[in-house]
Amino acid sequence: MGTAHGGIPVIGRALDPMRQPMARRVVRPADAASAPSTATPITCPAHGSVPTPPALPATTQPAGRQPKLLDRLREALRTRHYSPRTEQTYRHWVKRFIFFHNVRHPAEMAEPEINAFLTHLAVKEKVSASTQNQALSALLFLYRHVWTEKSATSAT
């Protein structure tokens, strides 16, 4: 155990500047001039003028077209504040379900196809029960929150 600045004992590794995390990149006026920005700057009393990030682009769907199924799945998960990892996992299971049934749309499938998919996971791929439950949860979310909402909005 050594001592650091002012005789404070250091436990573990010494204060090595090479082991410290790298500093964040600072945007300099030359960088800001070369990067196109349409955002208005925010003035901070401590740091001066800081550029705001540009707005995220809206989904680019042609007028009159419905968003694709996986885009609707992502939107439904995000509006319900699911974590990004859950979003990624549910998307994975929905894609596997669709490809397992030779790229058929979920609207054409029902309970027998879900049972066949889950049975395939258990018997052929030998996944655990918790993995089966995760796949089932993704498919239930798809049918309850994505597909039924789409059906309800297209009926009106």
N, C-alpha and C. Protein backbone atom coordinates (compact mmCIF):
# COMPACT_ATOMS: atom_id res chain seq x y z
N MET A 1 0.86 -1.17 0.00
CA MET A 1 0.00 0.00 0.00
C MET A 1 0.90 1.23 0.00
N GLY A 2 0.65 2.12 -0.95
CA GLY A 2 1.44 3.33 -1.05
C GLY A 2 0.62 4.53 -0.65
N THR A 3 1.21 5.71 -0.81
CA THR A 3 0.48 6.92 -0.52
C THR A 3 0.41 7.77 -1.77
N ALA A 4 -0.66 8.51 -1.91
CA ALA A 4 -0.85 9.38 -3.06
C ALA A 4 -0.79 10.82 -2.59
N HIS A 5 -1.34 11.70 -3.35
CA HIS A 5 -1.32 13.14 -3.09
C HIS A 5 -1.67 13.46 -1.64
N GLY A 6 -0.77 14.11 -0.96
CA GLY A 6 -1.03 14.56 0.40
C GLY A 6 -1.02 13.45 1.43
N GLY A 7 -0.41 12.31 1.15
CA GLY A 7 -0.30 11.25 2.12
C GLY A 7 -1.55 10.40 2.26
N ILE A 8 -2.48 10.47 1.31
CA ILE A 8 -3.69 9.65 1.36
C ILE A 8 -3.32 8.24 0.91
N PRO A 9 -3.63 7.23 1.72
CA PRO A 9 -3.25 5.86 1.34
C PRO A 9 -4.03 5.41 0.11
N VAL A 10 -3.35 4.69 -0.77
CA VAL A 10 -3.95 4.15 -1.99
C VAL A 10 -4.05 2.65 -1.83
N ILE A 11 -5.24 2.13 -1.95
CA ILE A 11 -5.46 0.69 -1.85
C ILE A 11 -5.62 0.17 -3.27
N GLY A 12 -4.97 -0.92 -3.58
CA GLY A 12 -5.08 -1.46 -4.94
C GLY A 12 -4.02 -0.87 -5.83
N ARG A 13 -4.37 -0.57 -7.06
CA ARG A 13 -3.38 -0.05 -7.99
C ARG A 13 -3.10 1.43 -7.74
N ALA A 14 -1.90 1.82 -8.07
CA ALA A 14 -1.48 3.21 -7.86
C ALA A 14 -2.18 4.12 -8.86
N LEU A 15 -2.17 5.42 -8.57
CA LEU A 15 -2.77 6.38 -9.48
C LEU A 15 -1.85 6.56 -10.67
N ASP A 16 -2.08 5.79 -11.69
CA ASP A 16 -1.27 5.82 -12.89
C ASP A 16 -2.04 6.58 -13.97
N PRO A 17 -1.50 7.67 -14.53
CA PRO A 17 -2.23 8.41 -15.55
C PRO A 17 -2.54 7.58 -16.78
N MET A 18 -1.76 6.56 -17.05
CA MET A 18 -2.01 5.72 -18.22
C MET A 18 -3.21 4.80 -18.00
N ARG A 19 -3.60 4.56 -16.74
CA ARG A 19 -4.70 3.68 -16.44
C ARG A 19 -6.02 4.43 -16.23
N GLN A 20 -5.96 5.73 -16.31
CA GLN A 20 -7.16 6.53 -16.12
C GLN A 20 -8.00 6.48 -17.40
N PRO A 21 -9.32 6.60 -17.29
CA PRO A 21 -10.14 6.57 -18.49
C PRO A 21 -9.81 7.76 -19.39
N MET A 22 -9.97 7.55 -20.68
CA MET A 22 -9.67 8.60 -21.64
C MET A 22 -10.69 9.73 -21.50
N ALA A 23 -10.22 10.93 -21.72
CA ALA A 23 -11.10 12.09 -21.64
C ALA A 23 -12.06 12.09 -22.84
N ARG A 24 -13.21 12.68 -22.65
CA ARG A 24 -14.17 12.78 -23.73
C ARG A 24 -13.69 13.79 -24.76
N ARG A 25 -14.08 13.56 -26.00
CA ARG A 25 -13.66 14.43 -27.08
C ARG A 25 -14.35 15.78 -26.94
N VAL A 26 -13.57 16.83 -27.06
CA VAL A 26 -14.10 18.19 -26.97
C VAL A 26 -14.29 18.71 -28.38
N VAL A 27 -15.46 19.26 -28.67
CA VAL A 27 -15.72 19.84 -29.98
C VAL A 27 -15.10 21.21 -30.01
N ARG A 28 -14.17 21.39 -30.94
CA ARG A 28 -13.49 22.67 -31.10
C ARG A 28 -14.17 23.45 -32.21
N PRO A 29 -13.97 24.75 -32.23
CA PRO A 29 -14.61 25.55 -33.28
C PRO A 29 -14.29 25.09 -34.69
N ALA A 30 -13.08 24.58 -34.95
CA ALA A 30 -12.74 24.11 -36.29
C ALA A 30 -13.57 22.88 -36.64
N ASP A 31 -13.77 21.97 -35.65
CA ASP A 31 -14.60 20.79 -35.89
C ASP A 31 -16.05 21.18 -36.11
N ALA A 32 -16.52 22.14 -35.34
CA ALA A 32 -17.91 22.55 -35.44
C ALA A 32 -18.19 23.21 -36.78
N ALA A 33 -17.20 23.94 -37.32
CA ALA A 33 -17.39 24.61 -38.59
C ALA A 33 -17.44 23.61 -39.74
N SER A 34 -16.68 22.51 -39.63
CA SER A 34 -16.66 21.54 -40.71
C SER A 34 -17.86 20.61 -40.67
N ALA A 35 -18.46 20.42 -39.49
CA ALA A 35 -19.62 19.54 -39.37
C ALA A 35 -20.89 20.35 -39.62
N PRO A 36 -21.74 19.89 -40.55
CA PRO A 36 -22.97 20.63 -40.79
C PRO A 36 -23.93 20.47 -39.62
N SER A 37 -24.44 21.57 -39.13
CA SER A 37 -25.37 21.53 -38.00
C SER A 37 -26.43 22.58 -38.21
N THR A 38 -27.68 22.14 -38.11
CA THR A 38 -28.80 23.06 -38.23
C THR A 38 -29.39 23.36 -36.88
N ALA A 39 -28.76 22.82 -35.83
CA ALA A 39 -29.29 22.99 -34.49
C ALA A 39 -28.94 24.37 -33.94
N THR A 40 -29.78 24.86 -33.07
CA THR A 40 -29.51 26.14 -32.42
C THR A 40 -28.68 25.89 -31.18
N PRO A 41 -27.69 26.73 -30.89
CA PRO A 41 -26.84 26.49 -29.73
C PRO A 41 -27.56 26.80 -28.42
N ILE A 42 -27.15 26.09 -27.37
CA ILE A 42 -27.65 26.33 -26.02
C ILE A 42 -26.54 27.04 -25.26
N THR A 43 -26.90 28.04 -24.49
CA THR A 43 -25.90 28.77 -23.73
C THR A 43 -25.91 28.26 -22.30
N CYS A 44 -24.75 27.80 -21.86
CA CYS A 44 -24.58 27.29 -20.51
C CYS A 44 -23.69 28.28 -19.77
N PRO A 45 -24.07 28.71 -18.54
CA PRO A 45 -23.25 29.68 -17.82
C PRO A 45 -21.84 29.18 -17.54
N ALA A 46 -21.68 27.90 -17.31
CA ALA A 46 -20.36 27.38 -16.96
C ALA A 46 -19.50 27.08 -18.18
N HIS A 47 -20.12 26.66 -19.28
CA HIS A 47 -19.35 26.20 -20.43
C HIS A 47 -19.52 27.06 -21.67
N GLY A 48 -20.36 28.04 -21.63
CA GLY A 48 -20.58 28.89 -22.80
C GLY A 48 -21.58 28.26 -23.76
N SER A 49 -21.40 28.48 -25.03
CA SER A 49 -22.32 28.00 -26.04
C SER A 49 -22.01 26.55 -26.40
N VAL A 50 -22.99 25.68 -26.28
CA VAL A 50 -22.84 24.27 -26.59
C VAL A 50 -23.86 23.93 -27.67
N PRO A 51 -23.44 23.35 -28.81
CA PRO A 51 -24.42 23.03 -29.85
C PRO A 51 -25.31 21.88 -29.43
N THR A 52 -26.58 21.96 -29.77
CA THR A 52 -27.52 20.88 -29.47
C THR A 52 -27.44 19.86 -30.59
N PRO A 53 -27.67 18.60 -30.27
CA PRO A 53 -27.63 17.58 -31.32
C PRO A 53 -28.80 17.77 -32.27
N PRO A 54 -28.62 17.41 -33.55
CA PRO A 54 -29.73 17.55 -34.49
C PRO A 54 -30.84 16.59 -34.13
N ALA A 55 -32.05 16.94 -34.51
CA ALA A 55 -33.21 16.11 -34.20
C ALA A 55 -33.11 14.80 -34.96
N LEU A 56 -33.62 13.73 -34.35
CA LEU A 56 -33.62 12.44 -35.01
C LEU A 56 -34.61 12.47 -36.17
N PRO A 57 -34.28 11.82 -37.28
CA PRO A 57 -35.20 11.83 -38.41
C PRO A 57 -36.46 11.04 -38.09
N ALA A 58 -37.57 11.53 -38.56
CA ALA A 58 -38.83 10.81 -38.39
C ALA A 58 -38.80 9.58 -39.29
N THR A 59 -39.63 8.60 -38.96
CA THR A 59 -39.68 7.42 -39.80
C THR A 59 -40.13 7.83 -41.19
N THR A 60 -39.42 7.34 -42.17
CA THR A 60 -39.70 7.74 -43.54
C THR A 60 -40.60 6.69 -44.20
N GLN A 61 -41.88 6.82 -43.96
CA GLN A 61 -42.86 5.94 -44.57
C GLN A 61 -43.63 6.73 -45.61
N PRO A 62 -43.78 6.19 -46.80
CA PRO A 62 -44.60 6.88 -47.79
C PRO A 62 -46.03 7.02 -47.29
N ALA A 63 -46.70 8.06 -47.74
CA ALA A 63 -48.07 8.32 -47.30
C ALA A 63 -48.96 7.15 -47.70
N GLY A 64 -49.78 6.70 -46.75
CA GLY A 64 -50.72 5.63 -47.02
C GLY A 64 -50.17 4.23 -46.79
N ARG A 65 -48.88 4.09 -46.50
CA ARG A 65 -48.30 2.77 -46.26
C ARG A 65 -48.17 2.52 -44.77
N GLN A 66 -48.45 1.29 -44.38
CA GLN A 66 -48.28 0.89 -42.99
C GLN A 66 -46.80 0.58 -42.74
N PRO A 67 -46.29 0.86 -41.53
CA PRO A 67 -44.91 0.46 -41.22
C PRO A 67 -44.80 -1.07 -41.21
N LYS A 68 -43.60 -1.56 -41.42
CA LYS A 68 -43.39 -3.00 -41.44
C LYS A 68 -43.59 -3.59 -40.06
N LEU A 69 -43.76 -4.90 -40.01
CA LEU A 69 -44.09 -5.60 -38.77
C LEU A 69 -43.02 -5.38 -37.70
N LEU A 70 -41.75 -5.52 -38.04
CA LEU A 70 -40.70 -5.37 -37.04
C LEU A 70 -40.57 -3.92 -36.59
N ASP A 71 -40.90 -2.98 -37.47
CA ASP A 71 -40.91 -1.57 -37.06
C ASP A 71 -42.04 -1.31 -36.07
N ARG A 72 -43.19 -1.93 -36.31
CA ARG A 72 -44.32 -1.78 -35.37
C ARG A 72 -43.99 -2.45 -34.04
N LEU A 73 -43.28 -3.59 -34.10
CA LEU A 73 -42.86 -4.26 -32.87
C LEU A 73 -41.95 -3.35 -32.06
N ARG A 74 -40.96 -2.74 -32.73
CA ARG A 74 -40.03 -1.83 -32.05
C ARG A 74 -40.78 -0.65 -31.44
N GLU A 75 -41.71 -0.09 -32.19
CA GLU A 75 -42.47 1.06 -31.69
C GLU A 75 -43.32 0.67 -30.48
N ALA A 76 -43.96 -0.49 -30.52
CA ALA A 76 -44.78 -0.93 -29.39
C ALA A 76 -43.93 -1.18 -28.14
N LEU A 77 -42.75 -1.75 -28.33
CA LEU A 77 -41.87 -1.99 -27.18
C LEU A 77 -41.36 -0.68 -26.59
N ARG A 78 -41.02 0.27 -27.45
CA ARG A 78 -40.49 1.54 -26.96
C ARG A 78 -41.55 2.39 -26.28
N THR A 79 -42.78 2.35 -26.78
CA THR A 79 -43.83 3.13 -26.12
C THR A 79 -44.17 2.57 -24.75
N ARG A 80 -43.89 1.29 -24.55
CA ARG A 80 -44.14 0.67 -23.24
C ARG A 80 -42.88 0.67 -22.38
N HIS A 81 -41.83 1.35 -22.82
CA HIS A 81 -40.58 1.53 -22.08
C HIS A 81 -39.87 0.22 -21.75
N TYR A 82 -39.90 -0.73 -22.70
CA TYR A 82 -39.11 -1.94 -22.53
C TYR A 82 -37.64 -1.60 -22.76
N SER A 83 -36.76 -2.39 -22.20
CA SER A 83 -35.33 -2.11 -22.34
C SER A 83 -34.87 -2.43 -23.76
N PRO A 84 -33.78 -1.80 -24.21
CA PRO A 84 -33.26 -2.10 -25.55
C PRO A 84 -32.88 -3.57 -25.73
N ARG A 85 -32.39 -4.19 -24.67
CA ARG A 85 -32.03 -5.60 -24.76
C ARG A 85 -33.27 -6.47 -24.95
N THR A 86 -34.36 -6.15 -24.27
CA THR A 86 -35.60 -6.89 -24.47
C THR A 86 -36.11 -6.69 -25.89
N GLU A 87 -36.01 -5.47 -26.39
CA GLU A 87 -36.40 -5.18 -27.77
C GLU A 87 -35.60 -6.04 -28.74
N GLN A 88 -34.31 -6.13 -28.53
CA GLN A 88 -33.45 -6.93 -29.40
C GLN A 88 -33.83 -8.41 -29.32
N THR A 89 -34.09 -8.90 -28.12
CA THR A 89 -34.41 -10.31 -27.94
C THR A 89 -35.77 -10.65 -28.54
N TYR A 90 -36.78 -9.82 -28.31
CA TYR A 90 -38.10 -10.08 -28.88
C TYR A 90 -38.05 -10.05 -30.40
N ARG A 91 -37.28 -9.12 -30.94
CA ARG A 91 -37.14 -9.04 -32.40
C ARG A 91 -36.51 -10.34 -32.92
N HIS A 92 -35.51 -10.83 -32.21
CA HIS A 92 -34.85 -12.08 -32.59
C HIS A 92 -35.84 -13.24 -32.64
N TRP A 93 -36.66 -13.38 -31.58
CA TRP A 93 -37.59 -14.50 -31.52
C TRP A 93 -38.70 -14.38 -32.57
N VAL A 94 -39.15 -13.18 -32.84
CA VAL A 94 -40.18 -13.00 -33.88
C VAL A 94 -39.61 -13.36 -35.24
N LYS A 95 -38.38 -12.94 -35.52
CA LYS A 95 -37.76 -13.28 -36.79
C LYS A 95 -37.56 -14.79 -36.92
N ARG A 96 -37.11 -15.45 -35.85
CA ARG A 96 -36.94 -16.91 -35.91
C ARG A 96 -38.26 -17.61 -36.13
N PHE A 97 -39.32 -17.11 -35.50
CA PHE A 97 -40.64 -17.70 -35.67
C PHE A 97 -41.09 -17.58 -37.13
N ILE A 98 -40.89 -16.42 -37.72
CA ILE A 98 -41.31 -16.19 -39.11
C ILE A 98 -40.49 -17.07 -40.05
N PHE A 99 -39.18 -17.13 -39.86
CA PHE A 99 -38.34 -17.94 -40.74
C PHE A 99 -38.55 -19.44 -40.52
N PHE A 100 -38.90 -19.85 -39.31
CA PHE A 100 -39.21 -21.26 -39.06
C PHE A 100 -40.39 -21.70 -39.90
N HIS A 101 -41.34 -20.80 -40.10
CA HIS A 101 -42.54 -21.13 -40.89
C HIS A 101 -42.42 -20.62 -42.33
N ASN A 102 -41.21 -20.65 -42.87
CA ASN A 102 -40.95 -20.33 -44.28
C ASN A 102 -41.44 -18.94 -44.67
N VAL A 103 -41.12 -17.95 -43.88
CA VAL A 103 -41.39 -16.53 -44.13
C VAL A 103 -42.89 -16.28 -44.36
N ARG A 104 -43.70 -16.91 -43.55
CA ARG A 104 -45.13 -16.61 -43.55
C ARG A 104 -45.38 -15.45 -42.60
N HIS A 105 -46.36 -14.63 -42.93
CA HIS A 105 -46.69 -13.49 -42.07
C HIS A 105 -47.42 -14.01 -40.83
N PRO A 106 -47.16 -13.42 -39.66
CA PRO A 106 -47.83 -13.87 -38.44
C PRO A 106 -49.36 -13.78 -38.52
N ALA A 107 -49.88 -12.93 -39.39
CA ALA A 107 -51.34 -12.84 -39.53
C ALA A 107 -51.92 -14.14 -40.08
N GLU A 108 -51.11 -14.89 -40.81
CA GLU A 108 -51.57 -16.16 -41.39
C GLU A 108 -51.42 -17.32 -40.42
N MET A 109 -50.79 -17.07 -39.28
CA MET A 109 -50.51 -18.15 -38.34
C MET A 109 -51.26 -17.93 -37.03
N ALA A 110 -51.41 -19.01 -36.29
CA ALA A 110 -52.14 -18.93 -35.02
C ALA A 110 -51.50 -19.88 -34.01
N GLU A 111 -52.30 -20.37 -33.08
CA GLU A 111 -51.80 -21.20 -31.99
C GLU A 111 -51.08 -22.47 -32.45
N PRO A 112 -51.57 -23.22 -33.45
CA PRO A 112 -50.83 -24.43 -33.85
C PRO A 112 -49.40 -24.14 -34.32
N GLU A 113 -49.20 -23.03 -35.02
CA GLU A 113 -47.85 -22.68 -35.47
C GLU A 113 -46.95 -22.27 -34.31
N ILE A 114 -47.52 -21.59 -33.32
CA ILE A 114 -46.74 -21.22 -32.14
C ILE A 114 -46.34 -22.48 -31.38
N ASN A 115 -47.28 -23.42 -31.22
CA ASN A 115 -46.96 -24.68 -30.54
C ASN A 115 -45.90 -25.46 -31.30
N ALA A 116 -45.98 -25.49 -32.62
CA ALA A 116 -44.98 -26.21 -33.42
C ALA A 116 -43.60 -25.58 -33.25
N PHE A 117 -43.53 -24.24 -33.22
CA PHE A 117 -42.27 -23.55 -33.05
C PHE A 117 -41.67 -23.84 -31.67
N LEU A 118 -42.48 -23.74 -30.63
CA LEU A 118 -41.98 -23.98 -29.27
C LEU A 118 -41.57 -25.44 -29.08
N THR A 119 -42.31 -26.35 -29.69
CA THR A 119 -41.95 -27.77 -29.61
C THR A 119 -40.63 -28.02 -30.33
N HIS A 120 -40.45 -27.38 -31.48
CA HIS A 120 -39.18 -27.50 -32.21
C HIS A 120 -38.02 -27.01 -31.34
N LEU A 121 -38.22 -25.88 -30.65
CA LEU A 121 -37.16 -25.36 -29.78
C LEU A 121 -36.80 -26.36 -28.70
N ALA A 122 -37.81 -26.99 -28.11
CA ALA A 122 -37.56 -27.91 -27.00
C ALA A 122 -36.97 -29.24 -27.47
N VAL A 123 -37.55 -29.80 -28.55
CA VAL A 123 -37.17 -31.15 -28.95
C VAL A 123 -35.91 -31.15 -29.83
N LYS A 124 -35.91 -30.35 -30.87
CA LYS A 124 -34.79 -30.39 -31.83
C LYS A 124 -33.60 -29.55 -31.36
N GLU A 125 -33.87 -28.36 -30.84
CA GLU A 125 -32.76 -27.49 -30.44
C GLU A 125 -32.39 -27.62 -28.97
N LYS A 126 -33.21 -28.36 -28.22
CA LYS A 126 -32.94 -28.66 -26.81
C LYS A 126 -32.66 -27.41 -25.97
N VAL A 127 -33.51 -26.40 -26.14
CA VAL A 127 -33.35 -25.19 -25.33
C VAL A 127 -34.00 -25.41 -23.97
N SER A 128 -33.62 -24.59 -23.01
CA SER A 128 -34.17 -24.73 -21.66
C SER A 128 -35.60 -24.20 -21.61
N ALA A 129 -36.26 -24.48 -20.51
CA ALA A 129 -37.63 -24.03 -20.33
C ALA A 129 -37.71 -22.51 -20.28
N SER A 130 -36.71 -21.87 -19.68
CA SER A 130 -36.72 -20.42 -19.60
C SER A 130 -36.57 -19.78 -20.99
N THR A 131 -35.80 -20.42 -21.86
CA THR A 131 -35.66 -19.93 -23.23
C THR A 131 -36.97 -20.07 -23.98
N GLN A 132 -37.65 -21.19 -23.78
CA GLN A 132 -38.98 -21.37 -24.38
C GLN A 132 -39.94 -20.29 -23.89
N ASN A 133 -39.90 -20.01 -22.61
CA ASN A 133 -40.78 -18.98 -22.05
C ASN A 133 -40.46 -17.61 -22.64
N GLN A 134 -39.19 -17.34 -22.87
CA GLN A 134 -38.80 -16.08 -23.47
C GLN A 134 -39.33 -15.96 -24.89
N ALA A 135 -39.22 -17.02 -25.66
CA ALA A 135 -39.74 -17.03 -27.03
C ALA A 135 -41.26 -16.87 -27.01
N LEU A 136 -41.92 -17.57 -26.10
CA LEU A 136 -43.37 -17.45 -25.98
C LEU A 136 -43.78 -16.03 -25.60
N SER A 137 -43.05 -15.41 -24.69
CA SER A 137 -43.36 -14.03 -24.29
C SER A 137 -43.24 -13.08 -25.47
N ALA A 138 -42.22 -13.28 -26.29
CA ALA A 138 -42.05 -12.43 -27.47
C ALA A 138 -43.22 -12.60 -28.43
N LEU A 139 -43.63 -13.83 -28.65
CA LEU A 139 -44.74 -14.08 -29.58
C LEU A 139 -46.07 -13.59 -29.01
N LEU A 140 -46.26 -13.74 -27.71
CA LEU A 140 -47.48 -13.21 -27.09
C LEU A 140 -47.52 -11.69 -27.20
N PHE A 141 -46.39 -11.05 -26.99
CA PHE A 141 -46.33 -9.60 -27.14
C PHE A 141 -46.68 -9.22 -28.57
N LEU A 142 -46.14 -9.94 -29.52
CA LEU A 142 -46.41 -9.66 -30.93
C LEU A 142 -47.91 -9.74 -31.22
N TYR A 143 -48.53 -10.81 -30.80
CA TYR A 143 -49.95 -10.99 -31.11
C TYR A 143 -50.87 -10.10 -30.27
N ARG A 144 -50.50 -9.82 -29.03
CA ARG A 144 -51.36 -9.01 -28.18
C ARG A 144 -51.24 -7.51 -28.44
N HIS A 145 -50.01 -7.04 -28.58
CA HIS A 145 -49.78 -5.60 -28.62
C HIS A 145 -49.46 -5.05 -30.00
N VAL A 146 -48.94 -5.87 -30.88
CA VAL A 146 -48.56 -5.37 -32.20
C VAL A 146 -49.63 -5.72 -33.23
N TRP A 147 -49.95 -6.99 -33.32
CA TRP A 147 -50.87 -7.41 -34.36
C TRP A 147 -52.31 -6.98 -34.07
N THR A 148 -52.78 -7.07 -32.84
CA THR A 148 -54.17 -6.69 -32.54
C THR A 148 -54.36 -5.19 -32.69
N GLU A 149 -53.34 -4.39 -32.33
CA GLU A 149 -53.45 -2.93 -32.51
C GLU A 149 -53.50 -2.58 -33.98
N LYS A 150 -52.72 -3.29 -34.79
CA LYS A 150 -52.72 -3.03 -36.22
C LYS A 150 -54.08 -3.40 -36.80
N SER A 151 -54.63 -4.53 -36.36
CA SER A 151 -55.93 -4.96 -36.85
C SER A 151 -57.02 -3.99 -36.46
N ALA A 152 -56.93 -3.44 -35.24
CA ALA A 152 -57.94 -2.50 -34.75
C ALA A 152 -57.86 -1.19 -35.51
N THR A 153 -56.63 -0.72 -35.85
CA THR A 153 -56.51 0.56 -36.56
C THR A 153 -56.88 0.43 -38.02
N SER A 154 -56.66 -0.73 -38.64
CA SER A 154 -57.02 -0.87 -40.04
C SER A 154 -58.52 -1.10 -40.21
N ALA A 155 -59.21 -1.52 -39.14
CA ALA A 155 -60.66 -1.72 -39.23
C ALA A 155 -61.40 -0.41 -39.18
N THR A 156 -60.79 0.63 -38.61
CA THR A 156 -61.47 1.91 -38.51
C THR A 156 -61.26 2.77 -39.72
